[in-house]
């Protein structure tokens, strides 16, 4: 199919069926496009919408985002996952304020040099904000192209991705670029979906390789399986006599970088002695809770929570810049990993005493 026909069919479909009232499509700005594109990385639209609305309400501009503390930015990201995205947003906002006087840069090279922004996100910002001729290649577009052309190989492989970029460039029209960019993403997100694609509603169905061969579920090919390693850790939910819980801020790098978690131990054996040695607290009682399984990109984590009731000691106050005593009934504006937030909620709802 000629590239013009391909894009014309998608544009006509978008005019009739495309999404045009998503929060970031209303009064479009480079800032809103950027935030939405970062949030949408590996996250579905239905999940992103409430996070996006709360985020831009609190941080409606690059300046307000840059001026905020990282803790607060992570707080508004809590539950969305892949927290490096939030850290990069904050870092990029500061760069834009310092280097570009608060105005989002206009050139491809300037945008792609910013933290957390790759080629596809750069293309989305330029095409959706300025109607400039740059292709995109997010997960939805990859799915449309691999099925339409019957492209073999996992899209994450360099050879396969190179071919997909060539096609993305070929099909991006010279007119109505903004509409096409949104249209091809919408087609992948609402019609050419991962499971049970709605081929009868697809404008490309008559010439789609996967559809004509009845091989929709063969494309795109899955990432070669590798057995992920397993790790165990212990979360000590340490509660003082006032009912407050101790949290510690994790290092800025690694998993949950910069987020606030319960004190972590490698084992629950002799945990009372470990707490005494590290914090100086005496333990009054403890209760073990059911283990929680949490998966990351590179490993599976089993969390063993232990609720620790500390003895009252008026002369002992443990405090540092990397720790905070919080009331579980009043969540502070801190970034919390989903398992920690879940455990705090359960603790708050539980009436059982240790």
C-alpha atoms as a PDB file:
ATOM      1  CA  UNK A   1       0.000   0.000   0.000  1.00  0.00           C
ATOM      2  CA  UNK A   2       1.246   3.463  -0.869  1.00  0.00           C
ATOM      3  CA  UNK A   3       2.264   5.518   2.133  1.00  0.00           C
ATOM      4  CA  UNK A   4      -0.286   8.221   1.280  1.00  0.00           C
ATOM      5  CA  UNK A   5      -3.115   5.690   1.177  1.00  0.00           C
ATOM      6  CA  UNK A   6      -2.003   4.211   4.505  1.00  0.00           C
ATOM      7  CA  UNK A   7      -2.015   7.562   6.277  1.00  0.00           C
ATOM      8  CA  UNK A   8      -5.214   8.731   4.533  1.00  0.00           C
ATOM      9  CA  UNK A   9      -7.103   5.662   5.729  1.00  0.00           C
ATOM     10  CA  UNK A  10      -5.943   6.167   9.298  1.00  0.00           C
ATOM     11  CA  UNK A  11      -6.738   9.884   9.205  1.00  0.00           C
ATOM     12  CA  UNK A  12     -10.248   9.228   7.888  1.00  0.00           C
ATOM     13  CA  UNK A  13     -10.812   6.622  10.593  1.00  0.00           C
ATOM     14  CA  UNK A  14      -9.543   9.061  13.237  1.00  0.00           C
ATOM     15  CA  UNK A  15     -11.915  11.757  12.047  1.00  0.00           C
ATOM     16  CA  UNK A  16     -14.829   9.400  12.652  1.00  0.00           C
ATOM     17  CA  UNK A  17     -13.690   7.340  15.639  1.00  0.00           C
ATOM     18  CA  UNK A  18     -10.542   8.793  17.208  1.00  0.00           C
ATOM     19  CA  UNK A  19     -10.212  10.141  20.730  1.00  0.00           C
ATOM     20  CA  UNK A  20     -10.244  13.933  20.757  1.00  0.00           C
ATOM     21  CA  UNK A  21     -11.071  14.835  24.361  1.00  0.00           C
ATOM     22  CA  UNK A  22      -8.286  13.288  26.380  1.00  0.00           C
ATOM     23  CA  UNK A  23      -7.047  15.723  29.056  1.00  0.00           C
ATOM     24  CA  UNK A  24      -3.749  16.411  27.262  1.00  0.00           C
ATOM     25  CA  UNK A  25      -5.584  17.076  23.971  1.00  0.00           C
ATOM     26  CA  UNK A  26      -7.439  20.055  25.419  1.00  0.00           C
ATOM     27  CA  UNK A  27      -5.558  23.338  24.984  1.00  0.00           C
ATOM     28  CA  UNK A  28      -2.450  21.464  23.862  1.00  0.00           C
ATOM     29  CA  UNK A  29       0.937  22.662  25.110  1.00  0.00           C
ATOM     30  CA  UNK A  30       4.383  21.054  24.825  1.00  0.00           C
ATOM     31  CA  UNK A  31       4.396  20.723  28.615  1.00  0.00           C
ATOM     32  CA  UNK A  32       1.128  18.756  28.714  1.00  0.00           C
ATOM     33  CA  UNK A  33       2.185  16.553  25.798  1.00  0.00           C
ATOM     34  CA  UNK A  34       5.524  15.850  27.470  1.00  0.00           C
ATOM     35  CA  UNK A  35       3.978  14.914  30.830  1.00  0.00           C
ATOM     36  CA  UNK A  36       1.338  12.721  29.199  1.00  0.00           C
ATOM     37  CA  UNK A  37       3.857  10.939  26.973  1.00  0.00           C
ATOM     38  CA  UNK A  38       6.093  10.144  29.930  1.00  0.00           C
ATOM     39  CA  UNK A  39       3.140   8.875  31.951  1.00  0.00           C
ATOM     40  CA  UNK A  40       1.903   6.775  29.041  1.00  0.00           C
ATOM     41  CA  UNK A  41       5.166   4.873  28.756  1.00  0.00           C
ATOM     42  CA  UNK A  42       4.227   1.281  29.642  1.00  0.00           C
ATOM     43  CA  UNK A  43       0.962   2.520  31.188  1.00  0.00           C
ATOM     44  CA  UNK A  44      -2.553   2.500  29.729  1.00  0.00           C
ATOM     45  CA  UNK A  45      -4.565   5.648  29.084  1.00  0.00           C
ATOM     46  CA  UNK A  46      -7.342   4.693  31.505  1.00  0.00           C
ATOM     47  CA  UNK A  47      -4.780   4.444  34.304  1.00  0.00           C
ATOM     48  CA  UNK A  48      -2.943   7.624  33.348  1.00  0.00           C
ATOM     49  CA  UNK A  49      -5.908  10.010  33.101  1.00  0.00           C
ATOM     50  CA  UNK A  50      -6.557  10.560  36.853  1.00  0.00           C
ATOM     51  CA  UNK A  51      -2.820  10.798  37.574  1.00  0.00           C
ATOM     52  CA  UNK A  52      -2.327  13.302  34.758  1.00  0.00           C
ATOM     53  CA  UNK A  53      -5.228  15.473  35.912  1.00  0.00           C
ATOM     54  CA  UNK A  54      -3.984  15.618  39.504  1.00  0.00           C
ATOM     55  CA  UNK A  55      -0.387  16.158  38.396  1.00  0.00           C
ATOM     56  CA  UNK A  56      -1.034  19.113  36.059  1.00  0.00           C
ATOM     57  CA  UNK A  57      -3.466  20.636  38.539  1.00  0.00           C
ATOM     58  CA  UNK A  58      -0.691  20.730  41.134  1.00  0.00           C
ATOM     59  CA  UNK A  59       2.105  21.428  38.630  1.00  0.00           C
ATOM     60  CA  UNK A  60       0.467  23.356  35.763  1.00  0.00           C
ATOM     61  CA  UNK A  61       3.775  24.674  34.402  1.00  0.00           C
ATOM     62  CA  UNK A  62       7.423  23.765  34.018  1.00  0.00           C
ATOM     63  CA  UNK A  63       8.332  26.375  36.610  1.00  0.00           C
ATOM     64  CA  UNK A  64       6.021  25.020  39.293  1.00  0.00           C
ATOM     65  CA  UNK A  65       7.263  21.503  38.609  1.00  0.00           C
ATOM     66  CA  UNK A  66      10.887  22.637  38.855  1.00  0.00           C
ATOM     67  CA  UNK A  67      10.224  24.570  42.064  1.00  0.00           C
ATOM     68  CA  UNK A  68       8.560  21.608  43.788  1.00  0.00           C
ATOM     69  CA  UNK A  69      10.475  19.177  45.955  1.00  0.00           C
ATOM     70  CA  UNK A  70      11.239  15.752  44.525  1.00  0.00           C
ATOM     71  CA  UNK A  71       9.333  14.231  47.457  1.00  0.00           C
ATOM     72  CA  UNK A  72       6.161  15.997  46.410  1.00  0.00           C
ATOM     73  CA  UNK A  73       6.606  15.085  42.742  1.00  0.00           C
ATOM     74  CA  UNK A  74       7.045  11.434  43.704  1.00  0.00           C
ATOM     75  CA  UNK A  75       4.004  11.711  45.963  1.00  0.00           C
ATOM     76  CA  UNK A  76       1.839  12.661  42.983  1.00  0.00           C
ATOM     77  CA  UNK A  77       3.362   9.724  41.084  1.00  0.00           C
ATOM     78  CA  UNK A  78       2.684   7.170  43.829  1.00  0.00           C
ATOM     79  CA  UNK A  79       1.045   4.077  42.364  1.00  0.00           C
ATOM     80  CA  UNK A  80       1.942   4.829  38.742  1.00  0.00           C
ATOM     81  CA  UNK A  81       5.185   2.856  38.893  1.00  0.00           C
ATOM     82  CA  UNK A  82       8.485   3.199  37.028  1.00  0.00           C
ATOM     83  CA  UNK A  83       9.461   6.092  39.292  1.00  0.00           C
ATOM     84  CA  UNK A  84      12.540   6.998  37.272  1.00  0.00           C
ATOM     85  CA  UNK A  85      10.046   8.703  34.967  1.00  0.00           C
ATOM     86  CA  UNK A  86       9.013  11.107  37.737  1.00  0.00           C
ATOM     87  CA  UNK A  87      12.613  11.786  38.734  1.00  0.00           C
ATOM     88  CA  UNK A  88      13.471  12.567  35.110  1.00  0.00           C
ATOM     89  CA  UNK A  89      10.459  14.870  34.769  1.00  0.00           C
ATOM     90  CA  UNK A  90      11.632  16.837  37.783  1.00  0.00           C
ATOM     91  CA  UNK A  91      15.221  16.920  36.567  1.00  0.00           C
ATOM     92  CA  UNK A  92      14.178  18.006  33.074  1.00  0.00           C
ATOM     93  CA  UNK A  93      11.958  20.780  34.443  1.00  0.00           C
ATOM     94  CA  UNK A  94      14.933  22.214  36.294  1.00  0.00           C
ATOM     95  CA  UNK A  95      17.059  22.069  33.139  1.00  0.00           C
ATOM     96  CA  UNK A  96      14.377  23.839  31.103  1.00  0.00           C
ATOM     97  CA  UNK A  97      14.170  26.603  33.705  1.00  0.00           C
ATOM     98  CA  UNK A  98      17.946  27.038  33.888  1.00  0.00           C
ATOM     99  CA  UNK A  99      18.861  26.599  30.226  1.00  0.00           C
ATOM    100  CA  UNK A 100      15.768  27.664  28.292  1.00  0.00           C
ATOM    101  CA  UNK A 101      14.245  30.264  30.627  1.00  0.00           C
ATOM    102  CA  UNK A 102      11.229  28.053  31.262  1.00  0.00           C
ATOM    103  CA  UNK A 103      10.296  27.615  27.603  1.00  0.00           C
ATOM    104  CA  UNK A 104      10.167  24.121  26.191  1.00  0.00           C
ATOM    105  CA  UNK A 105      12.887  23.761  23.516  1.00  0.00           C
ATOM    106  CA  UNK A 106      11.793  23.513  19.885  1.00  0.00           C
ATOM    107  CA  UNK A 107      14.572  21.541  18.204  1.00  0.00           C
ATOM    108  CA  UNK A 108      14.793  17.741  18.017  1.00  0.00           C
ATOM    109  CA  UNK A 109      18.394  17.653  19.276  1.00  0.00           C
ATOM    110  CA  UNK A 110      17.621  19.846  22.277  1.00  0.00           C
ATOM    111  CA  UNK A 111      14.560  17.861  23.315  1.00  0.00           C
ATOM    112  CA  UNK A 112      16.077  14.401  22.923  1.00  0.00           C
ATOM    113  CA  UNK A 113      19.047  15.444  25.068  1.00  0.00           C
ATOM    114  CA  UNK A 114      16.773  15.960  28.078  1.00  0.00           C
ATOM    115  CA  UNK A 115      16.605  13.233  30.763  1.00  0.00           C
ATOM    116  CA  UNK A 116      14.085  10.471  30.110  1.00  0.00           C
ATOM    117  CA  UNK A 117      13.138  11.634  26.614  1.00  0.00           C
ATOM    118  CA  UNK A 118      13.832   9.298  23.710  1.00  0.00           C
ATOM    119  CA  UNK A 119      13.255   9.501  19.989  1.00  0.00           C
ATOM    120  CA  UNK A 120       9.558   8.600  20.034  1.00  0.00           C
ATOM    121  CA  UNK A 121       8.688  10.993  22.869  1.00  0.00           C
ATOM    122  CA  UNK A 122      10.616  13.752  21.095  1.00  0.00           C
ATOM    123  CA  UNK A 123       8.657  13.069  17.923  1.00  0.00           C
ATOM    124  CA  UNK A 124       5.374  13.136  19.831  1.00  0.00           C
ATOM    125  CA  UNK A 125       6.176  16.479  21.459  1.00  0.00           C
ATOM    126  CA  UNK A 126       7.142  18.101  18.162  1.00  0.00           C
ATOM    127  CA  UNK A 127       4.316  16.641  16.092  1.00  0.00           C
ATOM    128  CA  UNK A 128       1.482  16.992  18.595  1.00  0.00           C
ATOM    129  CA  UNK A 129       2.535  20.424  19.888  1.00  0.00           C
ATOM    130  CA  UNK A 130       3.894  22.076  16.753  1.00  0.00           C
ATOM    131  CA  UNK A 131       2.615  19.886  13.871  1.00  0.00           C
ATOM    132  CA  UNK A 132       6.217  19.289  12.821  1.00  0.00           C
ATOM    133  CA  UNK A 133       7.188  16.358  10.624  1.00  0.00           C
ATOM    134  CA  UNK A 134       8.617  13.811  13.064  1.00  0.00           C
ATOM    135  CA  UNK A 135       7.506  10.176  13.388  1.00  0.00           C
ATOM    136  CA  UNK A 136       6.710   8.329  16.591  1.00  0.00           C
ATOM    137  CA  UNK A 137       7.122   4.669  17.484  1.00  0.00           C
ATOM    138  CA  UNK A 138       5.475   3.816  20.778  1.00  0.00           C
ATOM    139  CA  UNK A 139       4.158   0.363  21.667  1.00  0.00           C
ATOM    140  CA  UNK A 140       0.821   0.952  19.946  1.00  0.00           C
ATOM    141  CA  UNK A 141       2.424   2.017  16.682  1.00  0.00           C
ATOM    142  CA  UNK A 142       4.835  -0.916  16.771  1.00  0.00           C
ATOM    143  CA  UNK A 143       1.877  -3.281  17.070  1.00  0.00           C
ATOM    144  CA  UNK A 144       0.062  -1.720  14.105  1.00  0.00           C
ATOM    145  CA  UNK A 145       3.135  -1.821  11.863  1.00  0.00           C
ATOM    146  CA  UNK A 146       4.308  -5.314  12.777  1.00  0.00           C
ATOM    147  CA  UNK A 147       0.850  -6.768  12.148  1.00  0.00           C
ATOM    148  CA  UNK A 148       0.248  -4.801   8.978  1.00  0.00           C
ATOM    149  CA  UNK A 149       3.549  -5.856   7.420  1.00  0.00           C
ATOM    150  CA  UNK A 150       3.957  -9.214   9.166  1.00  0.00           C
ATOM    151  CA  UNK A 151       7.322  -8.158  10.546  1.00  0.00           C
ATOM    152  CA  UNK A 152       9.108 -10.951  12.361  1.00  0.00           C
ATOM    153  CA  UNK A 153      11.329 -10.478  15.375  1.00  0.00           C
ATOM    154  CA  UNK A 154      10.837  -8.864  18.752  1.00  0.00           C
ATOM    155  CA  UNK A 155      10.354  -5.081  18.245  1.00  0.00           C
ATOM    156  CA  UNK A 156      12.938  -4.404  20.943  1.00  0.00           C
ATOM    157  CA  UNK A 157      15.696  -5.929  18.822  1.00  0.00           C
ATOM    158  CA  UNK A 158      17.819  -3.371  16.996  1.00  0.00           C
ATOM    159  CA  UNK A 159      17.250  -4.847  13.530  1.00  0.00           C
ATOM    160  CA  UNK A 160      13.470  -5.038  13.956  1.00  0.00           C
ATOM    161  CA  UNK A 161      13.227  -1.591  15.532  1.00  0.00           C
ATOM    162  CA  UNK A 162      15.282  -0.083  12.686  1.00  0.00           C
ATOM    163  CA  UNK A 163      12.801  -1.477  10.156  1.00  0.00           C
ATOM    164  CA  UNK A 164       9.870  -0.141  12.156  1.00  0.00           C
ATOM    165  CA  UNK A 165      11.390   3.336  12.330  1.00  0.00           C
ATOM    166  CA  UNK A 166      11.825   3.308   8.551  1.00  0.00           C
ATOM    167  CA  UNK A 167       8.136   2.490   8.142  1.00  0.00           C
ATOM    168  CA  UNK A 168       7.092   5.083  10.734  1.00  0.00           C
ATOM    169  CA  UNK A 169       9.007   7.731   8.787  1.00  0.00           C
ATOM    170  CA  UNK A 170       7.538   6.533   5.491  1.00  0.00           C
ATOM    171  CA  UNK A 171       3.934   6.729   6.668  1.00  0.00           C
ATOM    172  CA  UNK A 172       4.109  10.037   8.548  1.00  0.00           C
ATOM    173  CA  UNK A 173       2.436  12.518   6.152  1.00  0.00           C
ATOM    174  CA  UNK A 174       3.620  16.016   5.354  1.00  0.00           C
ATOM    175  CA  UNK A 175       0.203  17.437   6.227  1.00  0.00           C
ATOM    176  CA  UNK A 176      -2.131  16.827   9.173  1.00  0.00           C
ATOM    177  CA  UNK A 177       0.882  15.507  11.093  1.00  0.00           C
ATOM    178  CA  UNK A 178      -0.600  16.227  14.495  1.00  0.00           C
ATOM    179  CA  UNK A 179      -3.802  14.386  13.622  1.00  0.00           C
ATOM    180  CA  UNK A 180      -1.945  11.424  12.120  1.00  0.00           C
ATOM    181  CA  UNK A 181       0.309  11.070  15.148  1.00  0.00           C
ATOM    182  CA  UNK A 182      -2.688  10.850  17.450  1.00  0.00           C
ATOM    183  CA  UNK A 183      -4.569   8.672  14.967  1.00  0.00           C
ATOM    184  CA  UNK A 184      -1.954   5.945  14.618  1.00  0.00           C
ATOM    185  CA  UNK A 185      -1.538   5.777  18.412  1.00  0.00           C
ATOM    186  CA  UNK A 186      -5.315   5.586  18.831  1.00  0.00           C
ATOM    187  CA  UNK A 187      -5.626   2.821  16.270  1.00  0.00           C
ATOM    188  CA  UNK A 188      -3.169   0.681  18.221  1.00  0.00           C
ATOM    189  CA  UNK A 189      -4.702   1.564  21.580  1.00  0.00           C
ATOM    190  CA  UNK A 190      -8.378   1.038  20.741  1.00  0.00           C
ATOM    191  CA  UNK A 191      -8.585  -1.281  17.697  1.00  0.00           C
ATOM    192  CA  UNK A 192      -5.294  -3.070  17.083  1.00  0.00           C
ATOM    193  CA  UNK A 193      -5.042  -4.061  20.730  1.00  0.00           C
ATOM    194  CA  UNK A 194      -2.842  -6.815  22.156  1.00  0.00           C
ATOM    195  CA  UNK A 195      -5.555  -9.413  22.668  1.00  0.00           C
ATOM    196  CA  UNK A 196      -8.627  -9.870  20.480  1.00  0.00           C
ATOM    197  CA  UNK A 197      -8.009  -6.947  18.088  1.00  0.00           C
ATOM    198  CA  UNK A 198     -11.162  -5.525  16.518  1.00  0.00           C
ATOM    199  CA  UNK A 199     -10.095  -6.090  12.930  1.00  0.00           C
ATOM    200  CA  UNK A 200     -13.598  -5.450  11.573  1.00  0.00           C
ATOM    201  CA  UNK A 201     -13.282  -1.839  12.753  1.00  0.00           C
ATOM    202  CA  UNK A 202      -9.769  -1.359  11.354  1.00  0.00           C
ATOM    203  CA  UNK A 203      -9.324   0.837   8.270  1.00  0.00           C
ATOM    204  CA  UNK A 204      -6.280  -1.236   7.247  1.00  0.00           C
ATOM    205  CA  UNK A 205      -7.918  -4.662   7.491  1.00  0.00           C
ATOM    206  CA  UNK A 206      -8.164  -5.380   3.752  1.00  0.00           C
ATOM    207  CA  UNK A 207      -4.410  -5.155   3.205  1.00  0.00           C
ATOM    208  CA  UNK A 208      -3.124  -6.144   6.659  1.00  0.00           C
ATOM    209  CA  UNK A 209      -0.803  -9.173   6.543  1.00  0.00           C
ATOM    210  CA  UNK A 210      -1.805 -10.486   9.966  1.00  0.00           C
ATOM    211  CA  UNK A 211      -5.530 -10.134   9.229  1.00  0.00           C
ATOM    212  CA  UNK A 212      -5.420 -11.751   5.775  1.00  0.00           C
ATOM    213  CA  UNK A 213      -3.328 -14.648   7.132  1.00  0.00           C
ATOM    214  CA  UNK A 214      -5.369 -14.895  10.350  1.00  0.00           C
ATOM    215  CA  UNK A 215      -2.176 -14.463  12.360  1.00  0.00           C
ATOM    216  CA  UNK A 216      -3.023 -11.401  14.444  1.00  0.00           C
ATOM    217  CA  UNK A 217      -1.830 -13.058  17.635  1.00  0.00           C
ATOM    218  CA  UNK A 218       1.557 -13.934  16.134  1.00  0.00           C
ATOM    219  CA  UNK A 219       2.520 -10.258  15.921  1.00  0.00           C
ATOM    220  CA  UNK A 220       4.356  -8.535  17.369  1.00  0.00           C
ATOM    221  CA  UNK A 221       6.615 -11.355  18.451  1.00  0.00           C
ATOM    222  CA  UNK A 222       7.171 -11.565  22.178  1.00  0.00           C
ATOM    223  CA  UNK A 223      10.412 -10.780  23.923  1.00  0.00           C
ATOM    224  CA  UNK A 224      12.526 -13.933  24.317  1.00  0.00           C
ATOM    225  CA  UNK A 225      11.794 -15.349  27.749  1.00  0.00           C
ATOM    226  CA  UNK A 226      14.432 -15.228  30.422  1.00  0.00           C
ATOM    227  CA  UNK A 227      13.965 -16.569  33.905  1.00  0.00           C
ATOM    228  CA  UNK A 228      13.926 -13.637  36.288  1.00  0.00           C
ATOM    229  CA  UNK A 229      15.840 -14.010  39.543  1.00  0.00           C
ATOM    230  CA  UNK A 230      13.972 -13.964  42.850  1.00  0.00           C
ATOM    231  CA  UNK A 231      14.857 -11.861  45.875  1.00  0.00           C
ATOM    232  CA  UNK A 232      13.539 -11.709  49.415  1.00  0.00           C
ATOM    233  CA  UNK A 233      13.428  -8.797  51.812  1.00  0.00           C
ATOM    234  CA  UNK A 234      11.875  -7.936  55.168  1.00  0.00           C
ATOM    235  CA  UNK A 235       9.943  -4.720  55.797  1.00  0.00           C
ATOM    236  CA  UNK A 236       9.792  -3.713  59.454  1.00  0.00           C
ATOM    237  CA  UNK A 237       6.642  -1.683  60.108  1.00  0.00           C
ATOM    238  CA  UNK A 238       7.984  -0.013  63.234  1.00  0.00           C
ATOM    239  CA  UNK A 239       5.314   1.660  65.358  1.00  0.00           C
ATOM    240  CA  UNK A 240       6.086   3.828  68.379  1.00  0.00           C
ATOM    241  CA  UNK A 241       3.861   4.400  71.423  1.00  0.00           C
ATOM    242  CA  UNK A 242       2.145   7.332  69.676  1.00  0.00           C
ATOM    243  CA  UNK A 243       1.024   5.104  66.810  1.00  0.00           C
ATOM    244  CA  UNK A 244       3.420   6.684  64.327  1.00  0.00           C
ATOM    245  CA  UNK A 245       5.293   4.604  61.753  1.00  0.00           C
ATOM    246  CA  UNK A 246       8.950   4.997  60.781  1.00  0.00           C
ATOM    247  CA  UNK A 247       9.781   5.458  57.101  1.00  0.00           C
ATOM    248  CA  UNK A 248      13.183   5.775  55.462  1.00  0.00           C
ATOM    249  CA  UNK A 249      14.019   7.427  52.167  1.00  0.00           C
ATOM    250  CA  UNK A 250      15.722   5.136  49.702  1.00  0.00           C
ATOM    251  CA  UNK A 251      18.838   6.203  47.751  1.00  0.00           C
ATOM    252  CA  UNK A 252      18.149   8.206  44.587  1.00  0.00           C
ATOM    253  CA  UNK A 253      19.282   5.313  42.390  1.00  0.00           C
ATOM    254  CA  UNK A 254      18.080   1.727  42.135  1.00  0.00           C
ATOM    255  CA  UNK A 255      14.558   0.396  42.693  1.00  0.00           C
ATOM    256  CA  UNK A 256      12.118   2.884  44.185  1.00  0.00           C
ATOM    257  CA  UNK A 257      14.848   5.512  44.033  1.00  0.00           C
ATOM    258  CA  UNK A 258      14.028   8.487  46.262  1.00  0.00           C
ATOM    259  CA  UNK A 259      10.838   6.907  47.603  1.00  0.00           C
ATOM    260  CA  UNK A 260       9.991   6.346  51.259  1.00  0.00           C
ATOM    261  CA  UNK A 261       9.802   2.786  52.553  1.00  0.00           C
ATOM    262  CA  UNK A 262       9.724   0.840  55.776  1.00  0.00           C
ATOM    263  CA  UNK A 263      13.137  -0.031  57.242  1.00  0.00           C
ATOM    264  CA  UNK A 264      14.465  -3.021  55.342  1.00  0.00           C
ATOM    265  CA  UNK A 265      16.269  -6.088  56.637  1.00  0.00           C
ATOM    266  CA  UNK A 266      17.718  -9.086  54.860  1.00  0.00           C
ATOM    267  CA  UNK A 267      16.195 -11.572  57.306  1.00  0.00           C
ATOM    268  CA  UNK A 268      13.535 -11.770  60.005  1.00  0.00           C
ATOM    269  CA  UNK A 269      15.814 -13.853  62.204  1.00  0.00           C
ATOM    270  CA  UNK A 270      16.909 -11.965  65.312  1.00  0.00           C
ATOM    271  CA  UNK A 271      15.207  -8.856  63.959  1.00  0.00           C
ATOM    272  CA  UNK A 272      14.767  -7.457  67.461  1.00  0.00           C
ATOM    273  CA  UNK A 273      18.531  -7.424  67.950  1.00  0.00           C
ATOM    274  CA  UNK A 274      19.018  -5.906  64.492  1.00  0.00           C
ATOM    275  CA  UNK A 275      16.598  -3.077  65.313  1.00  0.00           C
ATOM    276  CA  UNK A 276      18.290  -2.475  68.648  1.00  0.00           C
ATOM    277  CA  UNK A 277      21.702  -2.397  66.991  1.00  0.00           C
ATOM    278  CA  UNK A 278      20.727  -0.047  64.140  1.00  0.00           C
ATOM    279  CA  UNK A 279      18.193   2.250  65.796  1.00  0.00           C
ATOM    280  CA  UNK A 280      18.626   1.736  69.532  1.00  0.00           C
ATOM    281  CA  UNK A 281      14.979   0.755  70.043  1.00  0.00           C
ATOM    282  CA  UNK A 282      13.709  -2.059  72.222  1.00  0.00           C
ATOM    283  CA  UNK A 283      10.912  -4.178  70.793  1.00  0.00           C
ATOM    284  CA  UNK A 284       7.749  -4.798  72.783  1.00  0.00           C
ATOM    285  CA  UNK A 285       6.053  -7.143  70.345  1.00  0.00           C
ATOM    286  CA  UNK A 286       5.883  -8.236  66.733  1.00  0.00           C
ATOM    287  CA  UNK A 287       3.508  -9.806  64.270  1.00  0.00           C
ATOM    288  CA  UNK A 288       4.336 -11.298  60.885  1.00  0.00           C
ATOM    289  CA  UNK A 289       1.989 -10.656  57.998  1.00  0.00           C
ATOM    290  CA  UNK A 290       1.433 -12.544  54.776  1.00  0.00           C
ATOM    291  CA  UNK A 291       4.238 -12.146  52.252  1.00  0.00           C
ATOM    292  CA  UNK A 292       3.691  -9.818  49.288  1.00  0.00           C
ATOM    293  CA  UNK A 293       5.000 -10.610  45.811  1.00  0.00           C
ATOM    294  CA  UNK A 294       6.032  -7.666  43.654  1.00  0.00           C
ATOM    295  CA  UNK A 295       7.604  -7.929  40.200  1.00  0.00           C
ATOM    296  CA  UNK A 296      10.054  -5.539  38.584  1.00  0.00           C
ATOM    297  CA  UNK A 297      11.432  -5.589  35.062  1.00  0.00           C
ATOM    298  CA  UNK A 298      14.532  -7.538  36.058  1.00  0.00           C
ATOM    299  CA  UNK A 299      13.511  -9.576  39.104  1.00  0.00           C
ATOM    300  CA  UNK A 300      10.714 -10.786  41.361  1.00  0.00           C
ATOM    301  CA  UNK A 301      10.653  -9.509  44.934  1.00  0.00           C
ATOM    302  CA  UNK A 302       9.024 -11.238  47.901  1.00  0.00           C
ATOM    303  CA  UNK A 303       8.366  -8.814  50.753  1.00  0.00           C
ATOM    304  CA  UNK A 304       7.897 -10.180  54.262  1.00  0.00           C
ATOM    305  CA  UNK A 305       6.195  -7.507  56.410  1.00  0.00           C
ATOM    306  CA  UNK A 306       6.615  -7.585  60.174  1.00  0.00           C
ATOM    307  CA  UNK A 307       4.666  -5.185  62.368  1.00  0.00           C
ATOM    308  CA  UNK A 308       7.006  -4.126  65.175  1.00  0.00           C
ATOM    309  CA  UNK A 309       5.657  -2.461  68.306  1.00  0.00           C
ATOM    310  CA  UNK A 310       8.396  -0.455  69.988  1.00  0.00           C
ATOM    311  CA  UNK A 311       8.764   0.002  73.707  1.00  0.00           C
ATOM    312  CA  UNK A 312       8.090   3.447  75.040  1.00  0.00           C
ATOM    313  CA  UNK A 313      11.296   5.327  75.721  1.00  0.00           C
ATOM    314  CA  UNK A 314      11.027   9.072  76.374  1.00  0.00           C
ATOM    315  CA  UNK A 315      14.791   9.471  76.216  1.00  0.00           C
ATOM    316  CA  UNK A 316      15.163   7.781  72.831  1.00  0.00           C
ATOM    317  CA  UNK A 317      14.276   9.743  69.700  1.00  0.00           C
ATOM    318  CA  UNK A 318      15.609   8.410  66.413  1.00  0.00           C
ATOM    319  CA  UNK A 319      15.634  10.995  63.666  1.00  0.00           C
ATOM    320  CA  UNK A 320      17.626  11.978  60.583  1.00  0.00           C
ATOM    321  CA  UNK A 321      17.085  13.702  57.253  1.00  0.00           C
ATOM    322  CA  UNK A 322      16.418  10.331  55.619  1.00  0.00           C
ATOM    323  CA  UNK A 323      13.764   9.202  58.111  1.00  0.00           C
ATOM    324  CA  UNK A 324      10.275  10.349  59.008  1.00  0.00           C
ATOM    325  CA  UNK A 325       7.694   9.326  61.582  1.00  0.00           C
ATOM    326  CA  UNK A 326       4.267   9.413  59.958  1.00  0.00           C
ATOM    327  CA  UNK A 327       0.695   8.995  61.097  1.00  0.00           C
ATOM    328  CA  UNK A 328      -0.703   6.131  58.959  1.00  0.00           C
ATOM    329  CA  UNK A 329      -4.106   7.850  58.998  1.00  0.00           C
ATOM    330  CA  UNK A 330      -2.675  10.993  57.380  1.00  0.00           C
ATOM    331  CA  UNK A 331      -0.437  10.185  54.447  1.00  0.00           C
ATOM    332  CA  UNK A 332       2.220  12.857  53.995  1.00  0.00           C
ATOM    333  CA  UNK A 333       3.157  14.282  50.615  1.00  0.00           C
ATOM    334  CA  UNK A 334       5.911  11.727  50.123  1.00  0.00           C
ATOM    335  CA  UNK A 335       6.537   9.294  47.308  1.00  0.00           C
ATOM    336  CA  UNK A 336       5.503   5.814  48.427  1.00  0.00           C
ATOM    337  CA  UNK A 337       5.910   2.560  46.472  1.00  0.00           C
ATOM    338  CA  UNK A 338       2.620   0.773  45.851  1.00  0.00           C
ATOM    339  CA  UNK A 339       3.351  -2.069  48.337  1.00  0.00           C
ATOM    340  CA  UNK A 340       4.142   0.436  51.098  1.00  0.00           C
ATOM    341  CA  UNK A 341       0.978   2.411  50.403  1.00  0.00           C
ATOM    342  CA  UNK A 342      -1.012  -0.825  50.447  1.00  0.00           C
ATOM    343  CA  UNK A 343       0.516  -1.907  53.755  1.00  0.00           C
ATOM    344  CA  UNK A 344      -0.185   1.468  55.351  1.00  0.00           C
ATOM    345  CA  UNK A 345      -3.786   1.255  54.205  1.00  0.00           C
ATOM    346  CA  UNK A 346      -4.151  -2.240  55.637  1.00  0.00           C
ATOM    347  CA  UNK A 347      -2.549  -1.112  58.885  1.00  0.00           C
ATOM    348  CA  UNK A 348      -4.931   1.818  59.120  1.00  0.00           C
ATOM    349  CA  UNK A 349      -7.946  -0.394  58.489  1.00  0.00           C
ATOM    350  CA  UNK A 350      -6.846  -3.095  60.904  1.00  0.00           C
ATOM    351  CA  UNK A 351      -8.118  -2.873  64.476  1.00  0.00           C
ATOM    352  CA  UNK A 352      -5.977  -5.737  65.719  1.00  0.00           C
ATOM    353  CA  UNK A 353      -3.363  -4.971  68.308  1.00  0.00           C
ATOM    354  CA  UNK A 354      -0.003  -6.663  68.368  1.00  0.00           C
END
